Structure formats: structure tokens, C-alpha cells
């Protein structure tokens, strides 16, 4: 069983590796003996040491600066990873851009007034950025003839429309409405067919492409009313903790899922079961 789920010595790239979920992925894969490249726009040696003090000294952690919306930046980061270790065996496209309930009204107002420049920015990050990383990493996997696993992180709000009632209290408290914006849902929705396309395109080359769909993660910065409204609709009665997607992503990266591609693994506390 341990061998089936082993990721020991594999080269794993985590985009958004400094984020809440991404950092947990980094720690879990490192704990399991993988070599982990942590990609972020603002990655630095100091930030890496601060975020991962235990992992940093092992020699199996590499910080790479990567702007996923820039093809040049993506390829430079992949060059660095390949020069240090090898072509990644696993790529986790976790980096993304969302609008939190604390966002200002100009980016969280009614659909009719939603700024097109914000829509483009969110789609450029969540969808185009994932495409660029997949394109570059998949090409290298294919050239190296080594196969691999690409995991795109989706969202329940890419599968279903946001439940706007959850956020209605914001207007009651402040007089300013908060509407969960369209851009995030549209961009995340696009990931599912991007995943299926790449899975069929690269399948004969041993490159598997799947989507992991998480639900909302608890943060200390969330206000109590939001958490109460959200968890009231959650079958398990609580939001996720950031490390509760680790088991799923290890499964998707390992040989335990070697016959799985083009699929969507939903880990959402039951949200999409309604």
C-alpha cells in the first residue's frame, strides 16, 4: 500500500506554493520524500525559509519565481527546476485569484456593473495561467518521454453557481452589497474542459491530467457570519481545513491513480451533493 501511494524522489511542482492550500501540498509531498519546487510570483530565499523552516534544510525544496500569466516566466522557472533536478513528474496548478467577502465594492458589485478589466485579470490568472503551465510542463514531459501527472485545482464555484444568499448579510451590515463575482466561476469552469482536452491529447504519452475540486477553506480572517452561513449549507457542517485535500492530491500524483485521467475528484464536504 505504501509503494502504491509513493511519491518518493519524484519532482513535484506546486504553483501558488505559498498559499493556504499550496503550502500544505508542499509540506505533504516533502514529508513523503518528494523533491518539491515551490512556485510563486514573490518567491525568495527568505520567504521560503520562513514558510518552510523544517523542509528548507533538506535539499529537497526549491523556490522558483513564476508569473503563471507569462510564458517566458513559466519557462524560465521550468528551466531552473530541470537544471536543479529534472523535468517535473507532477505539476499541481494551484495558483489562482479569487474575490473574498472583504473585497471592495468596485470588484464585488452587481453582475451588470462588473468591470471587464477585472474579469480579464481573473480569467488570465485562473484559466490562461493554468493553460500556460500545462502547455510548457506537458511539452517537457512528452519530450523527456517520462509521462507524468498534471493536477488542476478547480472549485465548487466552477461546477455550480455561487449561492449569493451566503453573502447577503454584507449589505444588511454595511449597506453595500457583496455579489460573489462571475469571473472566478467562469474561469474555474473552463478548467474542467481544459483538463479533459489535455487528458485525451496526451494520454498515449503517459501524461495524466485531472482536476481536484475543493470547497471553501476556513481562514481566521473570515468573519463569523460568513462562516456560519457557509457551514449551514455544508452537509458535513463545517468548512475544510487547508490540509484536508492532501490525501486526494497524493493519490492523484501517485501510481495509485495510474488509470485515472480526464477526471474530476471532488473533495467538498458534500456541497455538490445537494
C-alpha atoms as a PDB file:
ATOM      1  CA  UNK A   1       0.000   0.000   0.000  1.00  0.00           C
ATOM      2  CA  UNK A   2       2.836   2.388   0.838  1.00  0.00           C
ATOM      3  CA  UNK A   3       4.522   1.709  -2.525  1.00  0.00           C
ATOM      4  CA  UNK A   4       1.248   2.272  -4.388  1.00  0.00           C
ATOM      5  CA  UNK A   5       0.925   5.790  -2.986  1.00  0.00           C
ATOM      6  CA  UNK A   6       4.648   6.562  -3.001  1.00  0.00           C
ATOM      7  CA  UNK A   7       5.894   9.857  -4.434  1.00  0.00           C
ATOM      8  CA  UNK A   8       9.426   9.419  -3.101  1.00  0.00           C
ATOM      9  CA  UNK A   9      12.097  11.146  -5.216  1.00  0.00           C
ATOM     10  CA  UNK A  10       9.544  12.488  -7.679  1.00  0.00           C
ATOM     11  CA  UNK A  11       9.897  16.084  -8.822  1.00  0.00           C
ATOM     12  CA  UNK A  12       6.741  17.952  -7.854  1.00  0.00           C
ATOM     13  CA  UNK A  13       5.937  21.496  -8.934  1.00  0.00           C
ATOM     14  CA  UNK A  14       3.331  23.366  -6.888  1.00  0.00           C
ATOM     15  CA  UNK A  15       2.206  26.719  -8.277  1.00  0.00           C
ATOM     16  CA  UNK A  16       0.811  29.070  -5.676  1.00  0.00           C
ATOM     17  CA  UNK A  17       3.005  27.119  -3.278  1.00  0.00           C
ATOM     18  CA  UNK A  18       3.000  29.881  -0.689  1.00  0.00           C
ATOM     19  CA  UNK A  19      -0.799  29.945  -0.492  1.00  0.00           C
ATOM     20  CA  UNK A  20      -3.047  28.383   2.107  1.00  0.00           C
ATOM     21  CA  UNK A  21      -3.693  25.074   0.314  1.00  0.00           C
ATOM     22  CA  UNK A  22      -0.498  25.168  -1.730  1.00  0.00           C
ATOM     23  CA  UNK A  23       1.722  25.327   1.344  1.00  0.00           C
ATOM     24  CA  UNK A  24       0.024  22.212   2.721  1.00  0.00           C
ATOM     25  CA  UNK A  25       0.679  20.400  -0.565  1.00  0.00           C
ATOM     26  CA  UNK A  26       4.337  21.409  -0.366  1.00  0.00           C
ATOM     27  CA  UNK A  27       4.706  20.098   3.183  1.00  0.00           C
ATOM     28  CA  UNK A  28       2.897  16.823   2.449  1.00  0.00           C
ATOM     29  CA  UNK A  29       4.893  15.936  -0.651  1.00  0.00           C
ATOM     30  CA  UNK A  30       8.130  16.862   1.086  1.00  0.00           C
ATOM     31  CA  UNK A  31       7.178  14.685   4.054  1.00  0.00           C
ATOM     32  CA  UNK A  32       6.697  11.793   1.627  1.00  0.00           C
ATOM     33  CA  UNK A  33      10.191  12.142   0.183  1.00  0.00           C
ATOM     34  CA  UNK A  34       9.472  14.116  -2.982  1.00  0.00           C
ATOM     35  CA  UNK A  35      11.591  16.935  -4.350  1.00  0.00           C
ATOM     36  CA  UNK A  36       9.293  19.947  -4.296  1.00  0.00           C
ATOM     37  CA  UNK A  37       9.547  23.127  -6.341  1.00  0.00           C
ATOM     38  CA  UNK A  38       7.578  25.966  -4.766  1.00  0.00           C
ATOM     39  CA  UNK A  39       6.439  28.435  -7.411  1.00  0.00           C
ATOM     40  CA  UNK A  40       5.132  31.888  -6.600  1.00  0.00           C
ATOM     41  CA  UNK A  41       5.359  35.369  -8.063  1.00  0.00           C
ATOM     42  CA  UNK A  42       7.169  36.554  -4.968  1.00  0.00           C
ATOM     43  CA  UNK A  43       9.257  33.519  -4.061  1.00  0.00           C
ATOM     44  CA  UNK A  44      12.529  34.411  -2.355  1.00  0.00           C
ATOM     45  CA  UNK A  45      15.032  32.534  -0.233  1.00  0.00           C
ATOM     46  CA  UNK A  46      13.893  34.441   2.841  1.00  0.00           C
ATOM     47  CA  UNK A  47      10.207  33.730   2.256  1.00  0.00           C
ATOM     48  CA  UNK A  48      10.939  30.065   1.575  1.00  0.00           C
ATOM     49  CA  UNK A  49      12.882  29.672   4.823  1.00  0.00           C
ATOM     50  CA  UNK A  50      10.179  31.490   6.755  1.00  0.00           C
ATOM     51  CA  UNK A  51       7.283  29.479   5.300  1.00  0.00           C
ATOM     52  CA  UNK A  52       9.005  26.080   5.393  1.00  0.00           C
ATOM     53  CA  UNK A  53      11.663  26.152   8.126  1.00  0.00           C
ATOM     54  CA  UNK A  54      11.728  22.375   8.661  1.00  0.00           C
ATOM     55  CA  UNK A  55      11.683  21.450   4.987  1.00  0.00           C
ATOM     56  CA  UNK A  56      14.160  24.050   3.803  1.00  0.00           C
ATOM     57  CA  UNK A  57      17.304  22.399   5.160  1.00  0.00           C
ATOM     58  CA  UNK A  58      16.673  19.049   3.461  1.00  0.00           C
ATOM     59  CA  UNK A  59      17.894  19.937  -0.026  1.00  0.00           C
ATOM     60  CA  UNK A  60      14.566  18.731  -1.425  1.00  0.00           C
ATOM     61  CA  UNK A  61      12.902  22.136  -1.559  1.00  0.00           C
ATOM     62  CA  UNK A  62      13.425  24.655  -4.339  1.00  0.00           C
ATOM     63  CA  UNK A  63      11.844  28.094  -4.592  1.00  0.00           C
ATOM     64  CA  UNK A  64      11.236  29.396  -8.117  1.00  0.00           C
ATOM     65  CA  UNK A  65       9.816  32.759  -9.149  1.00  0.00           C
ATOM     66  CA  UNK A  66       6.975  32.191 -11.593  1.00  0.00           C
ATOM     67  CA  UNK A  67       4.346  34.505 -13.012  1.00  0.00           C
ATOM     68  CA  UNK A  68       1.925  31.980 -14.471  1.00  0.00           C
ATOM     69  CA  UNK A  69       0.449  34.598 -16.817  1.00  0.00           C
ATOM     70  CA  UNK A  70       3.831  34.978 -18.569  1.00  0.00           C
ATOM     71  CA  UNK A  71       5.020  32.227 -20.911  1.00  0.00           C
ATOM     72  CA  UNK A  72       8.604  33.435 -20.536  1.00  0.00           C
ATOM     73  CA  UNK A  73       8.419  33.370 -16.738  1.00  0.00           C
ATOM     74  CA  UNK A  74       6.910  29.880 -16.743  1.00  0.00           C
ATOM     75  CA  UNK A  75       9.649  28.515 -18.988  1.00  0.00           C
ATOM     76  CA  UNK A  76      12.434  30.180 -17.015  1.00  0.00           C
ATOM     77  CA  UNK A  77      11.103  28.575 -13.825  1.00  0.00           C
ATOM     78  CA  UNK A  78      10.855  25.169 -15.501  1.00  0.00           C
ATOM     79  CA  UNK A  79      14.421  25.597 -16.797  1.00  0.00           C
ATOM     80  CA  UNK A  80      15.543  26.199 -13.215  1.00  0.00           C
ATOM     81  CA  UNK A  81      13.736  23.113 -11.921  1.00  0.00           C
ATOM     82  CA  UNK A  82      15.099  20.947 -14.733  1.00  0.00           C
ATOM     83  CA  UNK A  83      18.615  22.283 -14.189  1.00  0.00           C
ATOM     84  CA  UNK A  84      18.452  21.541 -10.469  1.00  0.00           C
ATOM     85  CA  UNK A  85      16.660  18.182 -10.650  1.00  0.00           C
ATOM     86  CA  UNK A  86      14.772  17.068 -13.757  1.00  0.00           C
ATOM     87  CA  UNK A  87      11.566  17.635 -15.686  1.00  0.00           C
ATOM     88  CA  UNK A  88       8.692  17.593 -13.159  1.00  0.00           C
ATOM     89  CA  UNK A  89       6.891  14.281 -12.663  1.00  0.00           C
ATOM     90  CA  UNK A  90       3.953  16.049 -11.052  1.00  0.00           C
ATOM     91  CA  UNK A  91       2.573  19.525 -11.701  1.00  0.00           C
ATOM     92  CA  UNK A  92      -0.078  20.928  -9.370  1.00  0.00           C
ATOM     93  CA  UNK A  93      -1.725  24.004 -10.851  1.00  0.00           C
ATOM     94  CA  UNK A  94      -2.871  25.552  -7.605  1.00  0.00           C
ATOM     95  CA  UNK A  95      -2.185  29.257  -8.213  1.00  0.00           C
ATOM     96  CA  UNK A  96      -5.332  31.319  -8.602  1.00  0.00           C
ATOM     97  CA  UNK A  97      -7.105  34.589  -7.983  1.00  0.00           C
ATOM     98  CA  UNK A  98     -10.401  34.864  -6.118  1.00  0.00           C
ATOM     99  CA  UNK A  99     -12.534  37.644  -4.633  1.00  0.00           C
ATOM    100  CA  UNK A 100     -13.033  37.409  -0.882  1.00  0.00           C
ATOM    101  CA  UNK A 101     -16.056  38.816   1.010  1.00  0.00           C
ATOM    102  CA  UNK A 102     -13.781  41.586   2.296  1.00  0.00           C
ATOM    103  CA  UNK A 103     -13.215  42.843  -1.271  1.00  0.00           C
ATOM    104  CA  UNK A 104     -14.120  46.464  -2.137  1.00  0.00           C
ATOM    105  CA  UNK A 105     -17.468  47.112  -3.858  1.00  0.00           C
ATOM    106  CA  UNK A 106     -15.911  48.025  -7.193  1.00  0.00           C
ATOM    107  CA  UNK A 107     -14.906  44.372  -7.726  1.00  0.00           C
ATOM    108  CA  UNK A 108     -17.793  42.695  -5.884  1.00  0.00           C
ATOM    109  CA  UNK A 109     -20.854  44.584  -7.044  1.00  0.00           C
ATOM    110  CA  UNK A 110     -23.757  43.514  -9.256  1.00  0.00           C
ATOM    111  CA  UNK A 111     -23.120  41.452 -12.371  1.00  0.00           C
ATOM    112  CA  UNK A 112     -24.400  44.286 -14.544  1.00  0.00           C
ATOM    113  CA  UNK A 113     -21.602  46.553 -13.286  1.00  0.00           C
ATOM    114  CA  UNK A 114     -18.749  44.064 -13.056  1.00  0.00           C
ATOM    115  CA  UNK A 115     -15.591  45.615 -14.575  1.00  0.00           C
ATOM    116  CA  UNK A 116     -14.393  43.914 -17.742  1.00  0.00           C
ATOM    117  CA  UNK A 117     -10.748  44.571 -16.819  1.00  0.00           C
ATOM    118  CA  UNK A 118     -11.203  42.611 -13.570  1.00  0.00           C
ATOM    119  CA  UNK A 119     -12.923  39.805 -15.470  1.00  0.00           C
ATOM    120  CA  UNK A 120      -9.952  39.598 -17.833  1.00  0.00           C
ATOM    121  CA  UNK A 121      -7.444  39.627 -14.952  1.00  0.00           C
ATOM    122  CA  UNK A 122      -9.150  36.757 -13.130  1.00  0.00           C
ATOM    123  CA  UNK A 123      -9.559  34.671 -16.288  1.00  0.00           C
ATOM    124  CA  UNK A 124      -5.958  35.428 -17.292  1.00  0.00           C
ATOM    125  CA  UNK A 125      -4.700  34.097 -13.965  1.00  0.00           C
ATOM    126  CA  UNK A 126      -7.003  31.155 -13.285  1.00  0.00           C
ATOM    127  CA  UNK A 127      -7.520  29.829 -16.813  1.00  0.00           C
ATOM    128  CA  UNK A 128      -4.859  31.227 -19.148  1.00  0.00           C
ATOM    129  CA  UNK A 129      -2.165  30.868 -16.467  1.00  0.00           C
ATOM    130  CA  UNK A 130      -3.048  27.220 -15.913  1.00  0.00           C
ATOM    131  CA  UNK A 131      -3.006  26.671 -19.675  1.00  0.00           C
ATOM    132  CA  UNK A 132       0.496  28.164 -19.957  1.00  0.00           C
ATOM    133  CA  UNK A 133       1.918  25.999 -17.166  1.00  0.00           C
ATOM    134  CA  UNK A 134       0.243  22.874 -18.561  1.00  0.00           C
ATOM    135  CA  UNK A 135       1.454  23.618 -22.078  1.00  0.00           C
ATOM    136  CA  UNK A 136       5.075  24.151 -21.062  1.00  0.00           C
ATOM    137  CA  UNK A 137       5.308  21.358 -18.487  1.00  0.00           C
ATOM    138  CA  UNK A 138       3.445  18.845 -20.643  1.00  0.00           C
ATOM    139  CA  UNK A 139       5.718  19.563 -23.606  1.00  0.00           C
ATOM    140  CA  UNK A 140       8.758  18.838 -21.443  1.00  0.00           C
ATOM    141  CA  UNK A 141       7.231  15.644 -20.056  1.00  0.00           C
ATOM    142  CA  UNK A 142       6.496  14.475 -23.595  1.00  0.00           C
ATOM    143  CA  UNK A 143       9.977  15.347 -24.868  1.00  0.00           C
ATOM    144  CA  UNK A 144      11.568  13.502 -21.948  1.00  0.00           C
ATOM    145  CA  UNK A 145       9.264  10.529 -22.616  1.00  0.00           C
ATOM    146  CA  UNK A 146       8.701  10.108 -18.894  1.00  0.00           C
ATOM    147  CA  UNK A 147       4.961  10.568 -18.501  1.00  0.00           C
ATOM    148  CA  UNK A 148       3.620  12.435 -15.512  1.00  0.00           C
ATOM    149  CA  UNK A 149       0.616  13.708 -13.612  1.00  0.00           C
ATOM    150  CA  UNK A 150      -0.852  17.195 -14.026  1.00  0.00           C
ATOM    151  CA  UNK A 151      -3.398  18.204 -11.405  1.00  0.00           C
ATOM    152  CA  UNK A 152      -5.513  21.310 -11.911  1.00  0.00           C
ATOM    153  CA  UNK A 153      -7.205  22.752  -8.849  1.00  0.00           C
ATOM    154  CA  UNK A 154     -10.785  23.673  -9.645  1.00  0.00           C
ATOM    155  CA  UNK A 155     -13.574  24.890  -7.381  1.00  0.00           C
ATOM    156  CA  UNK A 156     -17.141  24.058  -6.463  1.00  0.00           C
ATOM    157  CA  UNK A 157     -17.916  27.505  -7.890  1.00  0.00           C
ATOM    158  CA  UNK A 158     -16.608  26.288 -11.228  1.00  0.00           C
ATOM    159  CA  UNK A 159     -19.098  23.414 -11.133  1.00  0.00           C
ATOM    160  CA  UNK A 160     -22.047  25.260  -9.632  1.00  0.00           C
ATOM    161  CA  UNK A 161     -23.157  28.866  -9.396  1.00  0.00           C
ATOM    162  CA  UNK A 162     -22.273  30.653  -6.144  1.00  0.00           C
ATOM    163  CA  UNK A 163     -25.004  30.752  -3.531  1.00  0.00           C
ATOM    164  CA  UNK A 164     -25.417  34.501  -3.277  1.00  0.00           C
ATOM    165  CA  UNK A 165     -27.617  34.247  -0.158  1.00  0.00           C
ATOM    166  CA  UNK A 166     -24.498  33.404   1.857  1.00  0.00           C
ATOM    167  CA  UNK A 167     -23.184  36.923   1.272  1.00  0.00           C
ATOM    168  CA  UNK A 168     -26.446  38.872   1.690  1.00  0.00           C
ATOM    169  CA  UNK A 169     -25.586  39.815   5.265  1.00  0.00           C
ATOM    170  CA  UNK A 170     -22.846  42.131   3.987  1.00  0.00           C
ATOM    171  CA  UNK A 171     -25.438  44.557   2.633  1.00  0.00           C
ATOM    172  CA  UNK A 172     -27.506  44.289   5.799  1.00  0.00           C
ATOM    173  CA  UNK A 173     -24.463  45.211   7.907  1.00  0.00           C
ATOM    174  CA  UNK A 174     -22.825  47.833   5.709  1.00  0.00           C
ATOM    175  CA  UNK A 175     -25.428  48.949   3.212  1.00  0.00           C
ATOM    176  CA  UNK A 176     -23.087  47.812   0.417  1.00  0.00           C
ATOM    177  CA  UNK A 177     -23.953  44.552  -1.369  1.00  0.00           C
ATOM    178  CA  UNK A 178     -21.400  41.820  -1.936  1.00  0.00           C
ATOM    179  CA  UNK A 179     -22.041  39.702  -5.013  1.00  0.00           C
ATOM    180  CA  UNK A 180     -19.733  36.727  -5.484  1.00  0.00           C
ATOM    181  CA  UNK A 181     -18.290  37.708  -8.861  1.00  0.00           C
ATOM    182  CA  UNK A 182     -18.799  35.951 -12.171  1.00  0.00           C
ATOM    183  CA  UNK A 183     -15.134  35.944 -13.238  1.00  0.00           C
ATOM    184  CA  UNK A 184     -13.909  33.294 -10.788  1.00  0.00           C
ATOM    185  CA  UNK A 185     -16.761  30.919 -11.648  1.00  0.00           C
ATOM    186  CA  UNK A 186     -16.284  31.376 -15.386  1.00  0.00           C
ATOM    187  CA  UNK A 187     -12.530  30.840 -15.200  1.00  0.00           C
ATOM    188  CA  UNK A 188     -12.684  27.789 -12.942  1.00  0.00           C
ATOM    189  CA  UNK A 189     -15.426  26.283 -15.087  1.00  0.00           C
ATOM    190  CA  UNK A 190     -13.111  26.470 -18.082  1.00  0.00           C
ATOM    191  CA  UNK A 191     -10.511  24.357 -16.269  1.00  0.00           C
ATOM    192  CA  UNK A 192     -12.675  21.247 -16.476  1.00  0.00           C
ATOM    193  CA  UNK A 193     -12.721  21.053 -20.254  1.00  0.00           C
ATOM    194  CA  UNK A 194      -9.107  22.218 -20.462  1.00  0.00           C
ATOM    195  CA  UNK A 195      -8.313  19.200 -18.290  1.00  0.00           C
ATOM    196  CA  UNK A 196     -10.350  16.816 -20.426  1.00  0.00           C
ATOM    197  CA  UNK A 197      -8.800  18.161 -23.636  1.00  0.00           C
ATOM    198  CA  UNK A 198      -5.236  17.734 -22.373  1.00  0.00           C
ATOM    199  CA  UNK A 199      -6.026  14.290 -20.955  1.00  0.00           C
ATOM    200  CA  UNK A 200      -7.133  12.999 -24.353  1.00  0.00           C
ATOM    201  CA  UNK A 201      -4.334  14.809 -26.176  1.00  0.00           C
ATOM    202  CA  UNK A 202      -1.505  13.477 -24.009  1.00  0.00           C
ATOM    203  CA  UNK A 203      -2.981  10.179 -22.847  1.00  0.00           C
ATOM    204  CA  UNK A 204      -0.960   7.972 -25.228  1.00  0.00           C
ATOM    205  CA  UNK A 205       2.218   9.612 -23.916  1.00  0.00           C
ATOM    206  CA  UNK A 206       1.559   8.569 -20.314  1.00  0.00           C
ATOM    207  CA  UNK A 207       0.734  12.097 -19.187  1.00  0.00           C
ATOM    208  CA  UNK A 208      -2.344  12.080 -16.994  1.00  0.00           C
ATOM    209  CA  UNK A 209      -4.367  15.257 -16.440  1.00  0.00           C
ATOM    210  CA  UNK A 210      -7.049  15.513 -13.768  1.00  0.00           C
ATOM    211  CA  UNK A 211      -8.905  18.132 -11.758  1.00  0.00           C
ATOM    212  CA  UNK A 212      -9.200  18.334  -7.982  1.00  0.00           C
ATOM    213  CA  UNK A 213     -12.263  20.241  -6.822  1.00  0.00           C
ATOM    214  CA  UNK A 214     -12.137  21.615  -3.268  1.00  0.00           C
ATOM    215  CA  UNK A 215     -14.759  23.568  -1.383  1.00  0.00           C
ATOM    216  CA  UNK A 216     -14.252  26.589   0.870  1.00  0.00           C
ATOM    217  CA  UNK A 217     -11.380  26.549   3.337  1.00  0.00           C
ATOM    218  CA  UNK A 218     -11.630  28.043   6.792  1.00  0.00           C
ATOM    219  CA  UNK A 219      -9.488  31.108   7.421  1.00  0.00           C
ATOM    220  CA  UNK A 220      -9.003  33.067  10.624  1.00  0.00           C
ATOM    221  CA  UNK A 221      -9.642  36.261   8.657  1.00  0.00           C
ATOM    222  CA  UNK A 222     -13.189  35.224   7.723  1.00  0.00           C
ATOM    223  CA  UNK A 223     -15.908  36.832   9.788  1.00  0.00           C
ATOM    224  CA  UNK A 224     -18.143  34.664  11.935  1.00  0.00           C
ATOM    225  CA  UNK A 225     -21.332  35.386   9.998  1.00  0.00           C
ATOM    226  CA  UNK A 226     -19.830  34.270   6.709  1.00  0.00           C
ATOM    227  CA  UNK A 227     -18.589  31.031   8.271  1.00  0.00           C
ATOM    228  CA  UNK A 228     -21.982  30.388   9.873  1.00  0.00           C
ATOM    229  CA  UNK A 229     -23.849  30.987   6.611  1.00  0.00           C
ATOM    230  CA  UNK A 230     -21.442  28.816   4.636  1.00  0.00           C
ATOM    231  CA  UNK A 231     -21.382  25.881   7.040  1.00  0.00           C
ATOM    232  CA  UNK A 232     -25.177  25.926   7.366  1.00  0.00           C
ATOM    233  CA  UNK A 233     -25.292  24.717   3.750  1.00  0.00           C
ATOM    234  CA  UNK A 234     -22.456  22.213   4.099  1.00  0.00           C
ATOM    235  CA  UNK A 235     -23.558  18.585   4.700  1.00  0.00           C
ATOM    236  CA  UNK A 236     -20.523  17.930   6.919  1.00  0.00           C
ATOM    237  CA  UNK A 237     -21.369  21.072   8.906  1.00  0.00           C
ATOM    238  CA  UNK A 238     -18.009  22.814   8.663  1.00  0.00           C
ATOM    239  CA  UNK A 239     -15.550  24.382   6.249  1.00  0.00           C
ATOM    240  CA  UNK A 240     -12.459  22.474   5.175  1.00  0.00           C
ATOM    241  CA  UNK A 241      -9.105  22.761   6.868  1.00  0.00           C
ATOM    242  CA  UNK A 242      -6.276  23.581   4.475  1.00  0.00           C
ATOM    243  CA  UNK A 243      -4.606  20.172   4.838  1.00  0.00           C
ATOM    244  CA  UNK A 244      -7.717  18.088   4.121  1.00  0.00           C
ATOM    245  CA  UNK A 245      -7.023  17.895   0.381  1.00  0.00           C
ATOM    246  CA  UNK A 246      -3.571  16.362   0.856  1.00  0.00           C
ATOM    247  CA  UNK A 247      -4.724  12.755   0.652  1.00  0.00           C
ATOM    248  CA  UNK A 248      -6.566  13.368  -2.599  1.00  0.00           C
ATOM    249  CA  UNK A 249      -3.681  15.162  -4.279  1.00  0.00           C
ATOM    250  CA  UNK A 250      -1.157  12.486  -3.237  1.00  0.00           C
ATOM    251  CA  UNK A 251      -3.482   9.834  -4.684  1.00  0.00           C
ATOM    252  CA  UNK A 252      -3.723  11.791  -7.949  1.00  0.00           C
ATOM    253  CA  UNK A 253       0.057  12.227  -8.141  1.00  0.00           C
ATOM    254  CA  UNK A 254       0.950   8.618  -7.338  1.00  0.00           C
ATOM    255  CA  UNK A 255       0.633   5.293  -9.141  1.00  0.00           C
ATOM    256  CA  UNK A 256      -2.499   4.636  -7.116  1.00  0.00           C
ATOM    257  CA  UNK A 257      -4.354   6.661  -9.770  1.00  0.00           C
ATOM    258  CA  UNK A 258      -2.394   5.411 -12.785  1.00  0.00           C
ATOM    259  CA  UNK A 259      -5.573   4.594 -14.750  1.00  0.00           C
ATOM    260  CA  UNK A 260      -7.244   7.916 -13.949  1.00  0.00           C
ATOM    261  CA  UNK A 261      -7.170  10.768 -16.445  1.00  0.00           C
ATOM    262  CA  UNK A 262      -9.608  13.414 -17.611  1.00  0.00           C
ATOM    263  CA  UNK A 263     -11.428  13.026 -14.307  1.00  0.00           C
ATOM    264  CA  UNK A 264     -12.603  15.382 -11.590  1.00  0.00           C
ATOM    265  CA  UNK A 265     -12.057  14.332  -7.984  1.00  0.00           C
ATOM    266  CA  UNK A 266     -14.442  16.288  -5.743  1.00  0.00           C
ATOM    267  CA  UNK A 267     -13.452  16.814  -2.101  1.00  0.00           C
ATOM    268  CA  UNK A 268     -16.064  19.295  -0.930  1.00  0.00           C
ATOM    269  CA  UNK A 269     -17.667  18.130   2.309  1.00  0.00           C
ATOM    270  CA  UNK A 270     -20.781  17.222   0.340  1.00  0.00           C
ATOM    271  CA  UNK A 271     -21.506  20.680  -1.123  1.00  0.00           C
ATOM    272  CA  UNK A 272     -22.179  19.413  -4.654  1.00  0.00           C
ATOM    273  CA  UNK A 273     -24.389  16.586  -3.346  1.00  0.00           C
ATOM    274  CA  UNK A 274     -27.331  18.959  -2.891  1.00  0.00           C
END
